[in-house]
Structures are given as structure tokens and as C-alpha cells.
Amino acid sequence: MENNTENQEYRFQPEQIDWKTMEKFGLNQEKLEKMNAMEPLLRGFKTNTLIPIIINLGTAVSKMDVRLSLQTGDTGEVAVHLHGIRKEPNLNNKFLGHQFSDEDKDNLRETGNMGRVVDLVNPKTDEIIPSVISRDRLTNELVAYRAEYMKVPDEIKGVKLDDHQKQILLEGKPLYLEGMTSKKGEPFDATVQFNADKRYVEFLFGNTLTPQQSQQQNQQPTQYMDQEAPRVFRGRELDDSQYEKFKAGQTIYVDGLEDSKGKAYQGYITFNKETSKTDFSFTNPNTLKEQAKPAEEHKTQTAVNSQGKTNEATKMIKAPLESKQQQPANKQQEDQQKKVRKPRGPKL
């Protein structure tokens, strides 16, 4: 879990850093300073951006992008920690004792913040710690932050927060604000929320409140102003040509997507400028319905593998469904499907 470092200017000094280890990664103080990475490291934060490193495995040299952080070990030494990129956060297993609900998972995937305070368990001391949880949007790592350390500002972009609004943020929930003023002096409305990874209240670019959250706050969201379309969709980075069409509001085809079981699928995405959200469809919304049959075949696979739904024709098959699969694919799966448990009758 993260410790509070906001009340101190620097948590570490340059001479405390293990520069021999840094050199093994192809890094030194000069390189880190040029990448503006020293400041967050010395303050006890992760680097603001991904840092390219080199790992020499003896028989091969591997290059990868990571976020770096400094952490104090049990014996007091300062160790360099690497935060590698994950395809997606692991939300099916418990995180520090917390089992994610479906709503928790949706929030972490869509906004990066879980949206509530929960009790977490320190694995070393068994201490129960009320905390908020966020997803590192650069690496997909889950990050927890103690609720007692959370601080919210009195004012955000010219809007003074009342006690009720502050309490919403301290509970980890999103808050929709109207009448803020940008650096250019232009009025705008947006949703803000505390982020455990950044340790401050952030703007949720490209995301709006759910209808339920909006109703709770008795406010109606309006569109975001000057929000850019996201470059990455479900772990798949768009190339320059795709991105230009996408941010212009055109529908583009994307492949190479993977469901939660690692099976590939594809579809069409459109950037909705009014809501600043990305709309996904298995079929091209610009085509006629009768042309959508090939993409319809992927719906069973995604519903079973990613959404936990059951398909009658394959419900006894243990392996994840393959692309377009709707029926048993081989004799082994046919045998599995036939093994339907018969209900037991009453004992005589």
C-alpha cells in the first residue's frame, strides 16, 4: 500500500539510489533527469511516464518499458522497483483481501478508479486499512491508497466545493462539476474523482457518470469540452491512420482484441464526441443488418468468455470458446457436452 508523502518535499536523496542496479537497466542520473523522472522518484512516487530499460539475461538482451519507483526495504535499504505493463489488471482474484464486484471491475476498466472506499488487509501486519483503489493507466497495475491520507481541494477550477461535494470525493466517488473555468478562460463542465495512483483529484477525461451516479448527485451530465479521443482501446493501440479517422468521429475496424480468456475477437469503434465515450460494436453500424452475420458469430464467444454467460450448446465445455464458435468443435468437446448431470429422484 502507498504511504503518504505529500507532506514532505523529498522522501529520498539521489545518493540513496542503487545506481549499480540502475546501470544494469541502462539508466543513470543524467538520463533520468533528462526524462524528468528524478523528481517523482525522490518524492516517493512512480515515474510519470514509461521508462525504456534494458535487461541482460546473459543469453539474450531484452528491452521493455516500465514505470520506476523507489521503496524502502525491511532492512532500510532503498530498492528500485519495476512496474511492468500488464495486458489487463487481474480483477478476478482478491486484491489485499478485497473481492471485486462486477461494478468494481467495470469502474476500474472504464475510469481507472473503483469508486468507493473498502477495507483492505496489510499482508505483513494483518492491519485492516480503509482504502481506495485505482488502476495505473500506463501499466494496468492496481494501486491502493489509504483513505485517511486522502485530501481534496477547497476549490477546483474556480468552483468552491461544499461539504457534501467534498464528502463524495472522500468516499472515492465521482463528482460532476459545472461552471469551471479552463486556463484559456473558457467555462466547462466535467467529472472529477480521487485517483489512488496519482494521489489527488483528477479530471475523468473521456468518461461521464453513470445514470445512477448522476441521479444520486441530482445533476445531469453535459458533454465534455475539448476532450481528445483515446489512442488505446482495450489494450490495442491505434495506428496514425486509424486514429485520425477515429478522433474525427468515423467508425473504424479494429482486430487483435482479446477477451478475458485470451481468445481473439474484432469489431468496430466510434468516438462519440457528445459523450466523449468510445462506442463498440461487433458489426459495422454503417452497414445493413444482413451484412452483419459474420460479426454476429463472435457474440457467443465473447458472451461466454468475457461476460460469464451460458450458451446451451456449449455449456458443459470446459475450454474457452474459439473465435466464432457456437457448437462443440471436436469429439472431445462433444463428449463433454453430452455429460449432463441427471437430477436425482427422491430416496425411497
Protein backbone atom coordinates (compact mmCIF):
# COMPACT_ATOMS: atom_id res chain seq x y z
CA MET A 1 0.00 0.00 0.00
CA GLU A 2 1.09 3.55 -0.67
CA ASN A 3 2.33 5.76 2.16
CA ASN A 4 1.59 9.44 2.43
CA THR A 5 4.47 11.53 1.12
CA GLU A 6 2.70 14.76 0.26
CA ASN A 7 3.73 16.49 3.49
CA GLN A 8 7.43 16.14 2.77
CA GLU A 9 9.31 17.60 -0.15
CA TYR A 10 11.60 14.65 -0.75
CA ARG A 11 11.39 11.15 0.65
CA PHE A 12 14.71 10.05 -0.85
CA GLN A 13 18.05 11.61 -1.79
CA PRO A 14 19.95 10.85 -5.03
CA GLU A 15 22.81 9.21 -3.13
CA GLN A 16 20.39 6.65 -1.65
CA ILE A 17 19.53 5.27 -5.08
CA ASP A 18 21.13 1.97 -6.07
CA TRP A 19 22.90 3.32 -9.16
CA LYS A 20 24.63 -0.01 -9.85
CA THR A 21 21.22 -1.59 -10.38
CA MET A 22 20.13 1.39 -12.46
CA GLU A 23 23.20 0.93 -14.69
CA LYS A 24 22.19 -2.69 -15.31
CA PHE A 25 18.94 -1.31 -16.73
CA GLY A 26 20.86 1.12 -18.96
CA LEU A 27 19.99 4.12 -16.78
CA ASN A 28 21.92 6.76 -14.86
CA GLN A 29 21.11 10.01 -13.08
CA GLU A 30 21.68 12.17 -16.15
CA LYS A 31 19.27 10.10 -18.28
CA LEU A 32 16.59 10.12 -15.61
CA GLU A 33 16.90 13.90 -15.19
CA LYS A 34 16.52 14.42 -18.94
CA MET A 35 13.34 12.30 -18.84
CA ASN A 36 12.03 14.38 -15.87
CA ALA A 37 11.96 11.17 -13.85
CA MET A 38 14.12 12.15 -10.87
CA GLU A 39 11.61 14.48 -9.23
CA PRO A 40 8.78 11.92 -8.78
CA LEU A 41 11.28 9.22 -7.74
CA LEU A 42 12.78 11.35 -4.97
CA ARG A 43 9.29 12.33 -3.76
CA GLY A 44 8.38 8.66 -3.41
CA PHE A 45 6.14 8.43 -6.47
CA LYS A 46 6.33 6.33 -9.60
CA THR A 47 7.79 7.99 -12.68
CA ASN A 48 5.15 9.97 -14.58
CA THR A 49 5.93 8.22 -17.85
CA LEU A 50 7.13 4.83 -19.06
CA ILE A 51 10.91 4.48 -18.97
CA PRO A 52 12.69 2.28 -21.56
CA ILE A 53 15.10 -0.15 -19.87
CA ILE A 54 17.43 -2.96 -20.95
CA ILE A 55 17.59 -6.29 -19.14
CA ASN A 56 20.58 -8.51 -19.87
CA LEU A 57 19.59 -12.14 -19.34
CA GLY A 58 23.02 -13.48 -20.27
CA THR A 59 21.88 -15.38 -23.34
CA ALA A 60 19.67 -12.56 -24.58
CA VAL A 61 19.08 -8.85 -24.10
CA SER A 62 15.51 -7.75 -23.51
CA LYS A 63 14.13 -4.23 -23.93
CA MET A 64 10.94 -3.13 -22.20
CA ASP A 65 9.06 -0.06 -20.98
CA VAL A 66 8.30 0.24 -17.25
CA ARG A 67 7.47 2.78 -14.60
CA LEU A 68 10.09 3.05 -11.85
CA SER A 69 9.72 3.69 -8.13
CA LEU A 70 11.93 3.69 -5.05
CA GLN A 71 10.82 1.74 -1.99
CA THR A 72 12.42 1.22 1.40
CA GLY A 73 13.02 -2.43 2.29
CA ASP A 74 12.64 -4.10 5.68
CA THR A 75 16.32 -3.51 6.47
CA GLY A 76 16.18 0.17 5.49
CA GLU A 77 17.86 -0.10 2.09
CA VAL A 78 16.33 1.76 -0.86
CA ALA A 79 15.41 -0.63 -3.69
CA VAL A 80 14.50 0.10 -7.30
CA HIS A 81 11.11 -1.35 -8.26
CA LEU A 82 9.99 -2.03 -11.82
CA HIS A 83 6.32 -1.67 -12.71
CA GLY A 84 5.89 -3.58 -15.96
CA ILE A 85 2.99 -3.32 -18.37
CA ARG A 86 0.19 -5.84 -17.92
CA LYS A 87 -2.29 -6.71 -20.65
CA GLU A 88 -5.08 -6.05 -18.17
CA PRO A 89 -5.46 -5.87 -14.38
CA ASN A 90 -6.22 -9.12 -12.56
CA LEU A 91 -9.70 -8.42 -11.22
CA ASN A 92 -10.85 -12.00 -10.71
CA ASN A 93 -8.57 -12.70 -7.74
CA LYS A 94 -8.72 -10.95 -4.38
CA PHE A 95 -6.63 -7.79 -4.01
CA LEU A 96 -5.32 -7.33 -0.46
CA GLY A 97 -8.33 -9.27 0.78
CA HIS A 98 -10.91 -7.46 -1.36
CA GLN A 99 -13.04 -9.40 -3.87
CA PHE A 100 -14.05 -7.14 -6.76
CA SER A 101 -17.74 -6.89 -7.60
CA ASP A 102 -18.91 -6.60 -11.20
CA GLU A 103 -19.42 -2.86 -10.67
CA ASP A 104 -15.90 -2.55 -9.22
CA LYS A 105 -14.47 -4.25 -12.31
CA ASP A 106 -16.43 -2.05 -14.72
CA ASN A 107 -15.34 1.12 -12.93
CA LEU A 108 -11.67 0.15 -12.88
CA ARG A 109 -11.70 -0.75 -16.57
CA GLU A 110 -13.64 2.31 -17.71
CA THR A 111 -12.49 5.16 -15.46
CA GLY A 112 -9.43 3.69 -13.74
CA ASN A 113 -10.96 4.29 -10.28
CA MET A 114 -13.04 1.76 -8.34
CA GLY A 115 -15.33 4.43 -6.93
CA ARG A 116 -15.62 3.52 -3.24
CA VAL A 117 -13.67 3.02 -0.01
CA VAL A 118 -13.16 -0.62 1.03
CA ASP A 119 -11.32 -2.40 3.84
CA LEU A 120 -8.01 -3.87 2.69
CA VAL A 121 -5.69 -6.13 4.68
CA ASN A 122 -1.98 -5.39 5.03
CA PRO A 123 -0.34 -8.76 4.18
CA LYS A 124 2.56 -8.17 6.60
CA THR A 125 0.69 -6.92 9.68
CA ASP A 126 -2.92 -8.08 9.02
CA GLU A 127 -3.97 -4.49 9.73
CA ILE A 128 -7.35 -3.57 8.20
CA ILE A 129 -6.96 -0.34 6.25
CA PRO A 130 -9.88 1.56 4.63
CA SER A 131 -8.57 2.48 1.17
CA VAL A 132 -9.44 3.50 -2.35
CA ILE A 133 -8.21 1.51 -5.36
CA SER A 134 -7.25 2.72 -8.84
CA ARG A 135 -5.74 1.24 -11.96
CA ASP A 136 -2.41 2.54 -13.21
CA ARG A 137 -3.48 3.54 -16.72
CA LEU A 138 0.06 3.14 -18.09
CA THR A 139 0.75 -0.35 -16.73
CA ASN A 140 -2.66 -1.73 -15.62
CA GLU A 141 -1.23 -2.31 -12.13
CA LEU A 142 -3.70 -1.98 -9.24
CA VAL A 143 -2.80 0.67 -6.65
CA ALA A 144 -4.28 1.19 -3.17
CA TYR A 145 -4.19 4.42 -1.14
CA ARG A 146 -5.22 4.89 2.50
CA ALA A 147 -8.50 6.77 2.88
CA GLU A 148 -7.10 8.66 5.90
CA TYR A 149 -4.46 10.24 3.65
CA MET A 150 -6.91 11.43 1.00
CA LYS A 151 -7.08 15.19 0.56
CA VAL A 152 -9.50 17.12 -1.61
CA PRO A 153 -9.11 20.79 -2.55
CA ASP A 154 -11.48 23.53 -1.39
CA GLU A 155 -11.76 24.77 -4.97
CA ILE A 156 -11.45 23.20 -8.42
CA LYS A 157 -11.03 25.45 -11.45
CA GLY A 158 -12.94 28.32 -9.84
CA VAL A 159 -15.71 26.17 -8.30
CA LYS A 160 -15.76 26.11 -4.48
CA LEU A 161 -16.70 22.72 -3.09
CA ASP A 162 -19.27 22.45 -0.30
CA ASP A 163 -19.04 19.84 2.47
CA HIS A 164 -21.36 17.43 0.65
CA GLN A 165 -19.25 17.56 -2.52
CA LYS A 166 -16.04 17.05 -0.54
CA GLN A 167 -17.55 14.04 1.20
CA ILE A 168 -18.47 12.49 -2.18
CA LEU A 169 -14.83 12.74 -3.26
CA LEU A 170 -13.53 11.43 0.08
CA GLU A 171 -15.73 8.37 -0.40
CA GLY A 172 -13.94 7.71 -3.68
CA LYS A 173 -17.00 8.51 -5.79
CA PRO A 174 -17.01 10.61 -9.00
CA LEU A 175 -18.35 14.16 -8.74
CA TYR A 176 -19.82 16.10 -11.65
CA LEU A 177 -18.98 19.82 -11.55
CA GLU A 178 -20.45 22.61 -13.65
CA GLY A 179 -19.16 26.10 -14.34
CA MET A 180 -15.43 25.52 -14.06
CA THR A 181 -13.01 27.79 -15.92
CA SER A 182 -10.18 26.48 -18.11
CA LYS A 183 -6.71 28.02 -18.38
CA LYS A 184 -7.94 29.77 -21.53
CA GLY A 185 -10.73 31.39 -19.54
CA GLU A 186 -13.44 29.23 -21.09
CA PRO A 187 -16.24 27.69 -18.99
CA PHE A 188 -16.53 23.90 -18.96
CA ASP A 189 -18.21 21.04 -17.07
CA ALA A 190 -16.54 17.73 -16.18
CA THR A 191 -16.40 14.83 -13.74
CA VAL A 192 -13.65 14.70 -11.09
CA GLN A 193 -12.59 11.83 -8.83
CA PHE A 194 -9.77 10.93 -6.44
CA ASN A 195 -7.15 8.69 -8.06
CA ALA A 196 -5.14 6.36 -5.80
CA ASP A 197 -2.25 6.10 -8.26
CA LYS A 198 -1.84 9.87 -8.67
CA ARG A 199 -2.89 10.60 -5.06
CA TYR A 200 -5.02 13.60 -5.99
CA VAL A 201 -8.36 14.57 -7.51
CA GLU A 202 -8.23 14.20 -11.28
CA PHE A 203 -10.45 15.01 -14.25
CA LEU A 204 -12.01 11.94 -15.84
CA PHE A 205 -11.24 12.65 -19.48
CA GLY A 206 -13.40 10.68 -21.84
CA ASN A 207 -15.70 9.36 -19.10
CA THR A 208 -19.03 10.51 -17.69
CA LEU A 209 -21.06 9.46 -14.69
CA THR A 210 -23.43 6.53 -14.92
CA PRO A 211 -27.14 7.40 -14.77
CA GLN A 212 -27.28 6.02 -11.21
CA GLN A 213 -24.36 8.16 -10.06
CA SER A 214 -25.80 11.19 -11.79
CA GLN A 215 -29.17 10.68 -10.12
CA GLN A 216 -27.51 10.37 -6.71
CA GLN A 217 -25.94 13.79 -7.15
CA ASN A 218 -29.12 15.33 -8.59
CA GLN A 219 -27.18 16.63 -11.55
CA GLN A 220 -27.40 15.95 -15.27
CA PRO A 221 -24.07 15.50 -17.07
CA THR A 222 -23.44 17.51 -20.18
CA GLN A 223 -20.79 16.87 -22.79
CA TYR A 224 -17.10 17.35 -22.13
CA MET A 225 -15.31 20.18 -23.79
CA ASP A 226 -12.22 19.75 -25.91
CA GLN A 227 -11.68 16.10 -24.92
CA GLU A 228 -9.40 14.07 -27.15
CA ALA A 229 -10.24 10.60 -28.37
CA PRO A 230 -8.23 7.85 -26.58
CA ARG A 231 -5.33 6.39 -28.54
CA VAL A 232 -5.63 2.93 -26.93
CA PHE A 233 -8.79 0.80 -26.94
CA ARG A 234 -8.91 -2.35 -24.77
CA GLY A 235 -5.13 -2.65 -24.87
CA ARG A 236 -4.94 -2.18 -28.65
CA GLU A 237 -3.09 0.98 -29.77
CA LEU A 238 -4.43 2.60 -32.94
CA ASP A 239 -2.02 3.45 -35.73
CA ASP A 240 -1.83 7.03 -37.09
CA SER A 241 -4.28 6.40 -39.93
CA GLN A 242 -6.84 4.74 -37.66
CA TYR A 243 -6.51 7.40 -35.00
CA GLU A 244 -7.06 10.30 -37.40
CA LYS A 245 -10.33 8.76 -38.60
CA PHE A 246 -11.34 7.72 -35.08
CA LYS A 247 -10.91 11.13 -33.46
CA ALA A 248 -12.80 12.69 -36.38
CA GLY A 249 -15.81 10.60 -35.37
CA GLN A 250 -15.54 7.98 -38.11
CA THR A 251 -16.18 4.29 -37.44
CA ILE A 252 -13.03 2.18 -37.74
CA TYR A 253 -12.41 -1.57 -37.75
CA VAL A 254 -10.05 -2.98 -35.09
CA ASP A 255 -8.75 -6.52 -34.76
CA GLY A 256 -6.28 -8.12 -32.39
CA LEU A 257 -8.59 -7.61 -29.39
CA GLU A 258 -8.71 -10.33 -26.75
CA ASP A 259 -11.48 -11.39 -24.39
CA SER A 260 -10.83 -12.24 -20.73
CA LYS A 261 -9.90 -15.84 -21.67
CA GLY A 262 -7.27 -14.72 -24.18
CA LYS A 263 -9.29 -15.52 -27.30
CA ALA A 264 -9.13 -13.06 -30.20
CA TYR A 265 -12.07 -11.06 -31.47
CA GLN A 266 -12.62 -7.92 -33.54
CA GLY A 267 -15.19 -5.22 -34.11
CA TYR A 268 -15.88 -1.56 -34.86
CA ILE A 269 -15.36 1.50 -32.68
CA THR A 270 -16.67 5.05 -32.96
CA PHE A 271 -15.71 8.05 -30.83
CA ASN A 272 -18.87 9.77 -29.60
CA LYS A 273 -17.96 13.45 -29.35
CA GLU A 274 -21.10 14.31 -27.40
CA THR A 275 -20.32 11.93 -24.52
CA SER A 276 -16.53 11.58 -25.09
CA LYS A 277 -17.03 7.80 -24.91
CA THR A 278 -15.98 5.04 -27.29
CA ASP A 279 -18.88 3.05 -28.74
CA PHE A 280 -18.07 -0.56 -29.65
CA SER A 281 -20.00 -2.84 -31.97
CA PHE A 282 -19.34 -6.31 -33.36
CA THR A 283 -20.94 -5.16 -36.61
CA ASN A 284 -20.24 -2.06 -38.63
CA PRO A 285 -23.04 0.36 -37.69
CA ASN A 286 -22.77 1.88 -41.17
CA THR A 287 -23.69 -1.36 -42.94
CA LEU A 288 -27.05 -3.05 -43.48
CA LYS A 289 -28.18 -5.63 -40.94
CA GLU A 290 -27.99 -8.52 -43.40
CA GLN A 291 -24.28 -7.80 -43.85
CA ALA A 292 -23.63 -8.22 -40.13
CA LYS A 293 -23.89 -12.03 -39.97
CA PRO A 294 -20.11 -12.81 -39.88
CA ALA A 295 -19.54 -10.47 -36.93
CA GLU A 296 -22.64 -11.81 -35.16
CA GLU A 297 -20.82 -15.14 -34.86
CA HIS A 298 -18.38 -13.60 -32.38
CA LYS A 299 -21.10 -12.67 -29.92
CA THR A 300 -21.42 -16.17 -28.43
CA GLN A 301 -17.66 -16.42 -27.87
CA THR A 302 -17.45 -13.03 -26.12
CA ALA A 303 -20.64 -13.56 -24.08
CA VAL A 304 -19.32 -16.88 -22.72
CA ASN A 305 -15.62 -15.99 -22.32
CA SER A 306 -15.90 -12.39 -21.11
CA GLN A 307 -19.39 -11.88 -19.70
CA GLY A 308 -19.88 -15.16 -17.83
CA LYS A 309 -23.00 -16.09 -19.77
CA THR A 310 -24.01 -19.62 -20.75
CA ASN A 311 -24.61 -20.98 -24.24
CA GLU A 312 -26.89 -24.04 -24.19
CA ALA A 313 -24.99 -25.81 -26.99
CA THR A 314 -21.61 -25.46 -25.23
CA LYS A 315 -22.41 -25.07 -21.53
CA MET A 316 -20.59 -28.28 -20.48
CA ILE A 317 -17.40 -27.46 -22.42
CA LYS A 318 -14.57 -26.51 -20.06
CA ALA A 319 -12.21 -24.78 -22.52
CA PRO A 320 -12.78 -21.14 -23.62
CA LEU A 321 -14.70 -20.89 -26.90
CA GLU A 322 -12.68 -20.18 -30.03
CA SER A 323 -13.40 -17.33 -32.45
CA LYS A 324 -16.94 -17.65 -33.93
CA GLN A 325 -17.54 -20.91 -32.03
CA GLN A 326 -21.16 -21.68 -31.15
CA GLN A 327 -21.13 -25.52 -31.14
CA PRO A 328 -18.70 -28.23 -29.89
CA ALA A 329 -15.58 -28.00 -32.06
CA ASN A 330 -14.35 -31.60 -31.78
CA LYS A 331 -15.25 -35.04 -30.43
CA GLN A 332 -13.76 -34.33 -27.01
CA GLN A 333 -16.00 -31.28 -26.63
CA GLU A 334 -18.98 -33.24 -27.94
CA ASP A 335 -18.38 -35.87 -25.24
CA GLN A 336 -18.09 -33.13 -22.58
CA GLN A 337 -21.33 -31.56 -23.73
CA LYS A 338 -23.18 -34.89 -23.53
CA LYS A 339 -22.18 -35.36 -19.89
CA VAL A 340 -25.21 -33.57 -18.49
CA ARG A 341 -25.96 -34.41 -14.90
CA LYS A 342 -29.35 -36.02 -14.44
CA PRO A 343 -31.41 -34.84 -11.47
CA ARG A 344 -31.60 -37.34 -8.66
CA GLY A 345 -35.02 -38.70 -7.76
CA PRO A 346 -36.40 -38.86 -4.22
CA LYS A 347 -34.94 -41.50 -1.95
CA LEU A 348 -37.24 -44.49 -1.34
